[in-house]
C-alpha atoms as a PDB file:
ATOM      1  CA  MET A   1      44.760 -59.542  42.727  1.00  0.00           C
ATOM      2  CA  LEU A   2      47.781 -60.901  40.664  1.00  0.00           C
ATOM      3  CA  GLU A   3      51.198 -59.573  41.954  1.00  0.00           C
ATOM      4  CA  ILE A   4      54.385 -60.132  39.702  1.00  0.00           C
ATOM      5  CA  VAL A   5      57.951 -59.373  40.839  1.00  0.00           C
ATOM      6  CA  ALA A   6      60.332 -59.954  38.023  1.00  0.00           C
ATOM      7  CA  GLN A   7      63.614 -58.730  36.416  1.00  0.00           C
ATOM      8  CA  ASP A   8      62.523 -55.971  34.256  1.00  0.00           C
ATOM      9  CA  ARG A   9      63.238 -56.465  30.268  1.00  0.00           C
ATOM     10  CA  PRO A  10      62.034 -55.241  27.218  1.00  0.00           C
ATOM     11  CA  GLY A  11      58.577 -56.449  26.580  1.00  0.00           C
ATOM     12  CA  LEU A  12      58.010 -57.867  30.075  1.00  0.00           C
ATOM     13  CA  LEU A  13      54.386 -55.929  30.386  1.00  0.00           C
ATOM     14  CA  TYR A  14      53.586 -56.711  26.689  1.00  0.00           C
ATOM     15  CA  ASP A  15      54.158 -60.594  27.518  1.00  0.00           C
ATOM     16  CA  ILE A  16      51.927 -60.142  30.946  1.00  0.00           C
ATOM     17  CA  GLY A  17      49.022 -58.442  28.944  1.00  0.00           C
ATOM     18  CA  SER A  18      48.995 -60.621  26.028  1.00  0.00           C
ATOM     19  CA  THR A  19      48.894 -63.791  28.518  1.00  0.00           C
ATOM     20  CA  LEU A  20      46.133 -62.119  30.421  1.00  0.00           C
ATOM     21  CA  ALA A  21      44.127 -61.269  27.228  1.00  0.00           C
ATOM     22  CA  ARG A  22      44.390 -64.614  25.686  1.00  0.00           C
ATOM     23  CA  LEU A  23      42.983 -66.298  28.828  1.00  0.00           C
ATOM     24  CA  GLY A  24      39.978 -63.705  28.991  1.00  0.00           C
ATOM     25  CA  CYS A  25      41.092 -61.644  32.008  1.00  0.00           C
ATOM     26  CA  ASN A  26      40.010 -58.232  32.370  1.00  0.00           C
ATOM     27  CA  ILE A  27      42.376 -55.705  34.009  1.00  0.00           C
ATOM     28  CA  GLU A  28      40.363 -53.573  36.214  1.00  0.00           C
ATOM     29  CA  VAL A  29      43.329 -51.927  38.192  1.00  0.00           C
ATOM     30  CA  ALA A  30      47.180 -51.889  37.228  1.00  0.00           C
ATOM     31  CA  LEU A  31      49.781 -50.704  39.485  1.00  0.00           C
ATOM     32  CA  ILE A  32      53.133 -50.809  37.581  1.00  0.00           C
ATOM     33  CA  ASP A  33      56.461 -49.805  39.002  1.00  0.00           C
ATOM     34  CA  THR A  34      59.960 -50.286  38.657  1.00  0.00           C
ATOM     35  CA  GLU A  35      62.649 -50.112  41.370  1.00  0.00           C
ATOM     36  CA  GLY A  36      66.322 -50.576  39.574  1.00  0.00           C
ATOM     37  CA  GLN A  37      66.089 -53.644  37.415  1.00  0.00           C
ATOM     38  CA  LYS A  38      63.106 -55.053  39.382  1.00  0.00           C
ATOM     39  CA  ALA A  39      59.686 -54.876  37.814  1.00  0.00           C
ATOM     40  CA  ILE A  40      56.609 -54.843  40.443  1.00  0.00           C
ATOM     41  CA  ASP A  41      53.518 -55.047  38.696  1.00  0.00           C
ATOM     42  CA  VAL A  42      49.883 -55.739  40.404  1.00  0.00           C
ATOM     43  CA  PHE A  43      46.788 -56.480  38.501  1.00  0.00           C
ATOM     44  CA  TYR A  44      43.349 -56.589  39.903  1.00  0.00           C
ATOM     45  CA  LEU A  45      41.772 -59.119  37.681  1.00  0.00           C
ATOM     46  CA  THR A  46      38.167 -60.121  36.702  1.00  0.00           C
ATOM     47  CA  GLU A  47      36.507 -62.479  33.713  1.00  0.00           C
ATOM     48  CA  GLN A  48      33.223 -61.349  32.966  1.00  0.00           C
ATOM     49  CA  THR A  49      32.888 -59.263  35.880  1.00  0.00           C
ATOM     50  CA  LYS A  50      33.487 -61.897  38.258  1.00  0.00           C
ATOM     51  CA  LYS A  51      36.413 -62.740  40.446  1.00  0.00           C
ATOM     52  CA  LEU A  52      38.588 -65.486  38.825  1.00  0.00           C
ATOM     53  CA  ASN A  53      37.635 -68.903  40.252  1.00  0.00           C
ATOM     54  CA  ALA A  54      40.627 -71.381  41.265  1.00  0.00           C
ATOM     55  CA  GLU A  55      40.704 -73.006  38.105  1.00  0.00           C
ATOM     56  CA  LYS A  56      41.445 -69.891  36.056  1.00  0.00           C
ATOM     57  CA  GLN A  57      43.613 -68.756  38.758  1.00  0.00           C
ATOM     58  CA  GLN A  58      45.963 -72.009  38.283  1.00  0.00           C
ATOM     59  CA  SER A  59      45.465 -71.760  34.439  1.00  0.00           C
ATOM     60  CA  LEU A  60      47.035 -68.070  34.797  1.00  0.00           C
ATOM     61  CA  ARG A  61      49.691 -69.199  37.033  1.00  0.00           C
ATOM     62  CA  GLU A  62      50.956 -71.836  34.474  1.00  0.00           C
ATOM     63  CA  ALA A  63      50.469 -69.769  31.374  1.00  0.00           C
ATOM     64  CA  LEU A  64      52.392 -66.718  32.921  1.00  0.00           C
ATOM     65  CA  GLN A  65      55.333 -69.101  34.416  1.00  0.00           C
ATOM     66  CA  SER A  66      55.615 -70.379  30.980  1.00  0.00           C
ATOM     67  CA  ALA A  67      55.457 -67.076  29.207  1.00  0.00           C
ATOM     68  CA  LEU A  68      57.635 -65.594  31.857  1.00  0.00           C
ATOM     69  CA  GLY A  69      59.859 -68.521  32.509  1.00  0.00           C
END
């Protein structure tokens, strides 16, 4: 499960989705919400139908921090 809370802006969901796709993550479920100017997005992710291992989780964390920084 990946939860992202960030300032909402045009292109935010695209940046998240393209980062997930680039790293080979599949989105099984996505819950997208906006409260005022805050985006609250929750994704249930897999890689080749399996949970993400610790190494993939770390890579994903770093890539998202860079993309959304």
